């Protein structure tokens, strides 16, 4: 069985990716998706990139160095009225690894009095093979930032991020609804297609294609 490593300790993210990539089993066969926590990797990874793609690659390379086909995502919220902030600093917008509540409250504070509430979520996924081969994909989902929380689902800025096409915030949407339109869902679909192609192009993997 093929074992992939998702370069994260975030169990919410691990669960989302397991759901998003469920269909991959029909194309490459059974596989197991592990996280850093599953393999006992606890080293701190310094995300020094200036883009989502660069930070995703930094994390994925750490797992590939351990011998796993590793992928990592770097996701964040980009708000037009804040010149793209919080961007790559979304998880630590309020300082350090800020809590969702602190990050959301700072976002609302910085948007106070601003008419333009347009924003989009970004997800970049990087995959790195032990050989050093790598690729990245990106997904985006556009919406607006509300003045108050709606819904208790999801994580991060989800209760504030309203998507007109479903007339709900990500905090109100079910996981199935969210996966159909989310930045992570879009990126995961691109990722699965590219991963399948790369594996099937490899002579060592001809038997699963």
C-alpha atoms as a PDB file:
ATOM      1  CA  UNK A   1       0.000   0.000   0.000  1.00  0.00           C
ATOM      2  CA  UNK A   2       1.283   3.441  -0.947  1.00  0.00           C
ATOM      3  CA  UNK A   3       1.829   5.749   1.995  1.00  0.00           C
ATOM      4  CA  UNK A   4       1.567   9.504   1.568  1.00  0.00           C
ATOM      5  CA  UNK A   5       2.494  12.082   4.153  1.00  0.00           C
ATOM      6  CA  UNK A   6       0.552  15.293   4.687  1.00  0.00           C
ATOM      7  CA  UNK A   7       2.956  17.777   6.240  1.00  0.00           C
ATOM      8  CA  UNK A   8       0.734  19.008   9.057  1.00  0.00           C
ATOM      9  CA  UNK A   9      -0.228  18.399  12.680  1.00  0.00           C
ATOM     10  CA  UNK A  10      -3.674  19.903  12.051  1.00  0.00           C
ATOM     11  CA  UNK A  11      -6.211  17.099  12.409  1.00  0.00           C
ATOM     12  CA  UNK A  12      -9.011  19.186  10.853  1.00  0.00           C
ATOM     13  CA  UNK A  13      -6.898  19.620   7.752  1.00  0.00           C
ATOM     14  CA  UNK A  14      -5.970  15.923   7.700  1.00  0.00           C
ATOM     15  CA  UNK A  15      -9.643  14.953   7.845  1.00  0.00           C
ATOM     16  CA  UNK A  16     -10.546  17.360   5.038  1.00  0.00           C
ATOM     17  CA  UNK A  17      -7.821  15.987   2.796  1.00  0.00           C
ATOM     18  CA  UNK A  18      -8.822  12.389   3.471  1.00  0.00           C
ATOM     19  CA  UNK A  19     -12.332  13.264   2.287  1.00  0.00           C
ATOM     20  CA  UNK A  20     -11.154  15.360  -0.653  1.00  0.00           C
ATOM     21  CA  UNK A  21      -8.806  12.659  -1.952  1.00  0.00           C
ATOM     22  CA  UNK A  22     -11.143   9.696  -1.417  1.00  0.00           C
ATOM     23  CA  UNK A  23     -11.669   9.304  -5.168  1.00  0.00           C
ATOM     24  CA  UNK A  24      -7.942   8.886  -5.743  1.00  0.00           C
ATOM     25  CA  UNK A  25      -8.194   5.272  -4.526  1.00  0.00           C
ATOM     26  CA  UNK A  26     -10.173   4.345  -7.637  1.00  0.00           C
ATOM     27  CA  UNK A  27      -7.298   5.514  -9.816  1.00  0.00           C
ATOM     28  CA  UNK A  28      -4.103   4.495  -8.018  1.00  0.00           C
ATOM     29  CA  UNK A  29      -5.333   1.806  -5.634  1.00  0.00           C
ATOM     30  CA  UNK A  30      -5.410   1.701  -1.849  1.00  0.00           C
ATOM     31  CA  UNK A  31      -3.217   4.159  -0.019  1.00  0.00           C
ATOM     32  CA  UNK A  32      -2.709   5.514   3.473  1.00  0.00           C
ATOM     33  CA  UNK A  33      -2.543   9.206   4.311  1.00  0.00           C
ATOM     34  CA  UNK A  34      -0.452  10.052   7.358  1.00  0.00           C
ATOM     35  CA  UNK A  35       0.308  13.288   9.162  1.00  0.00           C
ATOM     36  CA  UNK A  36       3.442  14.481  10.942  1.00  0.00           C
ATOM     37  CA  UNK A  37       1.800  13.452  14.205  1.00  0.00           C
ATOM     38  CA  UNK A  38       1.279   9.901  12.913  1.00  0.00           C
ATOM     39  CA  UNK A  39       4.981   9.427  12.252  1.00  0.00           C
ATOM     40  CA  UNK A  40       6.190  11.198  15.392  1.00  0.00           C
ATOM     41  CA  UNK A  41       7.704  14.193  13.612  1.00  0.00           C
ATOM     42  CA  UNK A  42       7.601  17.223  15.865  1.00  0.00           C
ATOM     43  CA  UNK A  43      10.368  19.490  14.561  1.00  0.00           C
ATOM     44  CA  UNK A  44       9.374  23.122  14.120  1.00  0.00           C
ATOM     45  CA  UNK A  45       9.302  24.141  10.465  1.00  0.00           C
ATOM     46  CA  UNK A  46      10.075  27.762   9.769  1.00  0.00           C
ATOM     47  CA  UNK A  47       7.915  29.056   6.932  1.00  0.00           C
ATOM     48  CA  UNK A  48      10.195  31.645   5.380  1.00  0.00           C
ATOM     49  CA  UNK A  49       8.575  31.814   1.944  1.00  0.00           C
ATOM     50  CA  UNK A  50       6.974  34.941   0.530  1.00  0.00           C
ATOM     51  CA  UNK A  51       4.189  33.087  -1.308  1.00  0.00           C
ATOM     52  CA  UNK A  52       1.760  30.294  -0.473  1.00  0.00           C
ATOM     53  CA  UNK A  53       3.570  28.025  -2.944  1.00  0.00           C
ATOM     54  CA  UNK A  54       6.972  28.623  -1.389  1.00  0.00           C
ATOM     55  CA  UNK A  55       5.753  27.852   2.119  1.00  0.00           C
ATOM     56  CA  UNK A  56       3.972  24.696   0.952  1.00  0.00           C
ATOM     57  CA  UNK A  57       7.173  23.490  -0.705  1.00  0.00           C
ATOM     58  CA  UNK A  58       9.217  24.144   2.447  1.00  0.00           C
ATOM     59  CA  UNK A  59       6.895  21.893   4.472  1.00  0.00           C
ATOM     60  CA  UNK A  60       6.641  19.178   1.832  1.00  0.00           C
ATOM     61  CA  UNK A  61      10.415  18.943   1.457  1.00  0.00           C
ATOM     62  CA  UNK A  62      10.727  18.086   5.150  1.00  0.00           C
ATOM     63  CA  UNK A  63       8.596  14.984   4.716  1.00  0.00           C
ATOM     64  CA  UNK A  64      10.227  13.978   1.440  1.00  0.00           C
ATOM     65  CA  UNK A  65      13.594  14.004   3.211  1.00  0.00           C
ATOM     66  CA  UNK A  66      12.183  11.244   5.451  1.00  0.00           C
ATOM     67  CA  UNK A  67      11.423   9.072   2.436  1.00  0.00           C
ATOM     68  CA  UNK A  68       7.728   9.802   1.948  1.00  0.00           C
ATOM     69  CA  UNK A  69       5.866  11.168  -1.047  1.00  0.00           C
ATOM     70  CA  UNK A  70       4.818  14.273   0.817  1.00  0.00           C
ATOM     71  CA  UNK A  71       2.363  17.018   0.141  1.00  0.00           C
ATOM     72  CA  UNK A  72       1.612  20.154   2.072  1.00  0.00           C
ATOM     73  CA  UNK A  73      -0.748  23.014   1.665  1.00  0.00           C
ATOM     74  CA  UNK A  74      -0.386  26.620   2.609  1.00  0.00           C
ATOM     75  CA  UNK A  75      -3.691  28.389   2.811  1.00  0.00           C
ATOM     76  CA  UNK A  76      -4.855  31.814   3.778  1.00  0.00           C
ATOM     77  CA  UNK A  77      -7.296  34.639   3.402  1.00  0.00           C
ATOM     78  CA  UNK A  78      -6.610  37.605   1.157  1.00  0.00           C
ATOM     79  CA  UNK A  79      -8.750  40.699   1.772  1.00  0.00           C
ATOM     80  CA  UNK A  80      -8.893  43.376  -0.922  1.00  0.00           C
ATOM     81  CA  UNK A  81      -9.333  46.345   1.417  1.00  0.00           C
ATOM     82  CA  UNK A  82      -6.300  45.222   3.429  1.00  0.00           C
ATOM     83  CA  UNK A  83      -4.019  44.967   0.392  1.00  0.00           C
ATOM     84  CA  UNK A  84      -4.130  41.182   0.481  1.00  0.00           C
ATOM     85  CA  UNK A  85      -3.617  40.756   4.229  1.00  0.00           C
ATOM     86  CA  UNK A  86      -3.564  38.592   6.225  1.00  0.00           C
ATOM     87  CA  UNK A  87      -2.307  36.454   3.300  1.00  0.00           C
ATOM     88  CA  UNK A  88       0.499  34.040   4.132  1.00  0.00           C
ATOM     89  CA  UNK A  89       0.289  35.234   7.754  1.00  0.00           C
ATOM     90  CA  UNK A  90      -3.361  34.160   8.138  1.00  0.00           C
ATOM     91  CA  UNK A  91      -2.689  31.558  10.842  1.00  0.00           C
ATOM     92  CA  UNK A  92      -0.565  33.971  12.857  1.00  0.00           C
ATOM     93  CA  UNK A  93      -2.302  37.235  12.012  1.00  0.00           C
ATOM     94  CA  UNK A  94      -2.749  38.201  15.653  1.00  0.00           C
ATOM     95  CA  UNK A  95       0.820  37.194  16.555  1.00  0.00           C
ATOM     96  CA  UNK A  96       2.580  33.859  17.023  1.00  0.00           C
ATOM     97  CA  UNK A  97       0.216  31.041  16.186  1.00  0.00           C
ATOM     98  CA  UNK A  98      -2.822  33.075  17.129  1.00  0.00           C
ATOM     99  CA  UNK A  99      -6.133  31.487  18.000  1.00  0.00           C
ATOM    100  CA  UNK A 100      -8.956  31.575  15.462  1.00  0.00           C
ATOM    101  CA  UNK A 101     -10.871  33.923  17.741  1.00  0.00           C
ATOM    102  CA  UNK A 102      -7.977  36.379  18.070  1.00  0.00           C
ATOM    103  CA  UNK A 103      -7.346  36.314  14.319  1.00  0.00           C
ATOM    104  CA  UNK A 104     -11.005  36.883  13.512  1.00  0.00           C
ATOM    105  CA  UNK A 105     -11.332  39.740  15.965  1.00  0.00           C
ATOM    106  CA  UNK A 106      -8.269  41.475  14.545  1.00  0.00           C
ATOM    107  CA  UNK A 107      -9.649  41.068  11.036  1.00  0.00           C
ATOM    108  CA  UNK A 108     -12.940  42.664  12.049  1.00  0.00           C
ATOM    109  CA  UNK A 109     -11.101  45.485  13.775  1.00  0.00           C
ATOM    110  CA  UNK A 110      -8.978  46.214  10.704  1.00  0.00           C
ATOM    111  CA  UNK A 111     -12.031  46.158   8.434  1.00  0.00           C
ATOM    112  CA  UNK A 112     -14.109  48.487  10.613  1.00  0.00           C
ATOM    113  CA  UNK A 113     -15.555  51.301   8.500  1.00  0.00           C
ATOM    114  CA  UNK A 114     -14.400  49.841   5.185  1.00  0.00           C
ATOM    115  CA  UNK A 115     -17.050  49.384   2.507  1.00  0.00           C
ATOM    116  CA  UNK A 116     -15.161  46.916   0.342  1.00  0.00           C
ATOM    117  CA  UNK A 117     -15.479  43.499   1.994  1.00  0.00           C
ATOM    118  CA  UNK A 118     -14.334  41.398  -0.972  1.00  0.00           C
ATOM    119  CA  UNK A 119     -11.924  38.612  -0.122  1.00  0.00           C
ATOM    120  CA  UNK A 120     -10.736  35.263  -1.366  1.00  0.00           C
ATOM    121  CA  UNK A 121      -9.299  32.164   0.186  1.00  0.00           C
ATOM    122  CA  UNK A 122      -6.162  30.717  -1.423  1.00  0.00           C
ATOM    123  CA  UNK A 123      -4.790  27.195  -1.166  1.00  0.00           C
ATOM    124  CA  UNK A 124      -1.482  26.141  -2.691  1.00  0.00           C
ATOM    125  CA  UNK A 125      -0.587  22.452  -2.538  1.00  0.00           C
ATOM    126  CA  UNK A 126       2.980  21.308  -3.089  1.00  0.00           C
ATOM    127  CA  UNK A 127       4.032  17.709  -3.590  1.00  0.00           C
ATOM    128  CA  UNK A 128       7.629  16.557  -3.229  1.00  0.00           C
ATOM    129  CA  UNK A 129       8.880  13.058  -3.996  1.00  0.00           C
ATOM    130  CA  UNK A 130      11.896  11.524  -2.223  1.00  0.00           C
ATOM    131  CA  UNK A 131      13.720  11.854  -5.560  1.00  0.00           C
ATOM    132  CA  UNK A 132      13.369  15.632  -5.348  1.00  0.00           C
ATOM    133  CA  UNK A 133      10.742  15.875  -8.085  1.00  0.00           C
ATOM    134  CA  UNK A 134       8.027  18.366  -7.147  1.00  0.00           C
ATOM    135  CA  UNK A 135       4.983  20.256  -8.369  1.00  0.00           C
ATOM    136  CA  UNK A 136       2.492  22.827  -7.052  1.00  0.00           C
ATOM    137  CA  UNK A 137      -1.153  23.637  -7.757  1.00  0.00           C
ATOM    138  CA  UNK A 138      -3.425  26.447  -6.565  1.00  0.00           C
ATOM    139  CA  UNK A 139      -7.121  26.905  -5.842  1.00  0.00           C
ATOM    140  CA  UNK A 140      -9.095  30.035  -4.948  1.00  0.00           C
ATOM    141  CA  UNK A 141     -12.595  30.731  -3.630  1.00  0.00           C
ATOM    142  CA  UNK A 142     -14.081  34.232  -3.666  1.00  0.00           C
ATOM    143  CA  UNK A 143     -16.491  35.717  -1.138  1.00  0.00           C
ATOM    144  CA  UNK A 144     -17.015  38.609   1.258  1.00  0.00           C
ATOM    145  CA  UNK A 145     -16.231  39.206   4.927  1.00  0.00           C
ATOM    146  CA  UNK A 146     -19.249  39.693   7.186  1.00  0.00           C
ATOM    147  CA  UNK A 147     -19.436  41.913  10.264  1.00  0.00           C
ATOM    148  CA  UNK A 148     -20.410  39.047  12.551  1.00  0.00           C
ATOM    149  CA  UNK A 149     -20.005  35.299  12.863  1.00  0.00           C
ATOM    150  CA  UNK A 150     -22.433  32.967  11.135  1.00  0.00           C
ATOM    151  CA  UNK A 151     -22.174  29.261  11.849  1.00  0.00           C
ATOM    152  CA  UNK A 152     -19.850  27.281  14.068  1.00  0.00           C
ATOM    153  CA  UNK A 153     -18.424  24.829  11.558  1.00  0.00           C
ATOM    154  CA  UNK A 154     -15.090  24.864   9.800  1.00  0.00           C
ATOM    155  CA  UNK A 155     -12.083  26.638  11.266  1.00  0.00           C
ATOM    156  CA  UNK A 156     -10.004  29.751  10.797  1.00  0.00           C
ATOM    157  CA  UNK A 157     -11.971  32.609   9.258  1.00  0.00           C
ATOM    158  CA  UNK A 158     -14.802  30.339   8.044  1.00  0.00           C
ATOM    159  CA  UNK A 159     -17.619  31.877  10.172  1.00  0.00           C
ATOM    160  CA  UNK A 160     -16.902  35.303   8.636  1.00  0.00           C
ATOM    161  CA  UNK A 161     -16.349  34.193   5.034  1.00  0.00           C
ATOM    162  CA  UNK A 162     -19.637  34.404   3.119  1.00  0.00           C
ATOM    163  CA  UNK A 163     -19.903  32.797  -0.310  1.00  0.00           C
ATOM    164  CA  UNK A 164     -22.746  34.247  -2.453  1.00  0.00           C
ATOM    165  CA  UNK A 165     -23.018  31.148  -4.678  1.00  0.00           C
ATOM    166  CA  UNK A 166     -24.223  29.043  -1.722  1.00  0.00           C
ATOM    167  CA  UNK A 167     -25.655  31.927   0.337  1.00  0.00           C
ATOM    168  CA  UNK A 168     -23.775  30.692   3.397  1.00  0.00           C
ATOM    169  CA  UNK A 169     -20.552  31.250   5.255  1.00  0.00           C
ATOM    170  CA  UNK A 170     -18.084  28.397   5.341  1.00  0.00           C
ATOM    171  CA  UNK A 171     -19.007  28.188   9.021  1.00  0.00           C
ATOM    172  CA  UNK A 172     -22.604  27.356   8.038  1.00  0.00           C
ATOM    173  CA  UNK A 173     -21.824  25.054   5.123  1.00  0.00           C
ATOM    174  CA  UNK A 174     -21.551  21.300   5.502  1.00  0.00           C
ATOM    175  CA  UNK A 175     -18.181  19.728   4.712  1.00  0.00           C
ATOM    176  CA  UNK A 176     -19.625  18.336   1.480  1.00  0.00           C
ATOM    177  CA  UNK A 177     -20.869  21.773   0.411  1.00  0.00           C
ATOM    178  CA  UNK A 178     -17.586  23.379   1.325  1.00  0.00           C
ATOM    179  CA  UNK A 179     -15.470  20.799  -0.494  1.00  0.00           C
ATOM    180  CA  UNK A 180     -17.336  21.393  -3.760  1.00  0.00           C
ATOM    181  CA  UNK A 181     -16.391  25.065  -3.986  1.00  0.00           C
ATOM    182  CA  UNK A 182     -13.601  25.738  -1.510  1.00  0.00           C
ATOM    183  CA  UNK A 183     -10.081  26.814  -2.342  1.00  0.00           C
ATOM    184  CA  UNK A 184      -8.834  23.561  -0.818  1.00  0.00           C
ATOM    185  CA  UNK A 185     -11.350  21.484  -2.762  1.00  0.00           C
ATOM    186  CA  UNK A 186     -10.360  23.111  -6.056  1.00  0.00           C
ATOM    187  CA  UNK A 187      -6.651  22.710  -5.320  1.00  0.00           C
ATOM    188  CA  UNK A 188      -7.136  19.098  -4.173  1.00  0.00           C
ATOM    189  CA  UNK A 189      -8.867  18.197  -7.434  1.00  0.00           C
ATOM    190  CA  UNK A 190      -5.964  19.628  -9.432  1.00  0.00           C
ATOM    191  CA  UNK A 191      -3.500  17.916  -7.108  1.00  0.00           C
ATOM    192  CA  UNK A 192      -5.146  14.487  -7.456  1.00  0.00           C
ATOM    193  CA  UNK A 193      -5.093  14.716 -11.250  1.00  0.00           C
ATOM    194  CA  UNK A 194      -1.435  15.739 -11.350  1.00  0.00           C
ATOM    195  CA  UNK A 195      -0.393  13.125  -8.780  1.00  0.00           C
ATOM    196  CA  UNK A 196      -2.153  10.374 -10.740  1.00  0.00           C
ATOM    197  CA  UNK A 197      -0.381  11.471 -13.931  1.00  0.00           C
ATOM    198  CA  UNK A 198       3.023  11.544 -12.262  1.00  0.00           C
ATOM    199  CA  UNK A 199       2.590   8.144 -10.667  1.00  0.00           C
ATOM    200  CA  UNK A 200       1.306   6.577 -13.871  1.00  0.00           C
ATOM    201  CA  UNK A 201       4.136   8.093 -15.878  1.00  0.00           C
ATOM    202  CA  UNK A 202       6.638   6.425 -13.590  1.00  0.00           C
ATOM    203  CA  UNK A 203       7.802   2.997 -14.694  1.00  0.00           C
ATOM    204  CA  UNK A 204       7.873   1.866 -11.082  1.00  0.00           C
ATOM    205  CA  UNK A 205       4.139   2.579 -10.819  1.00  0.00           C
ATOM    206  CA  UNK A 206       2.879   1.079 -14.091  1.00  0.00           C
ATOM    207  CA  UNK A 207       1.154  -1.747 -12.249  1.00  0.00           C
ATOM    208  CA  UNK A 208      -1.355   0.610 -10.536  1.00  0.00           C
ATOM    209  CA  UNK A 209      -2.426   2.568 -13.622  1.00  0.00           C
END
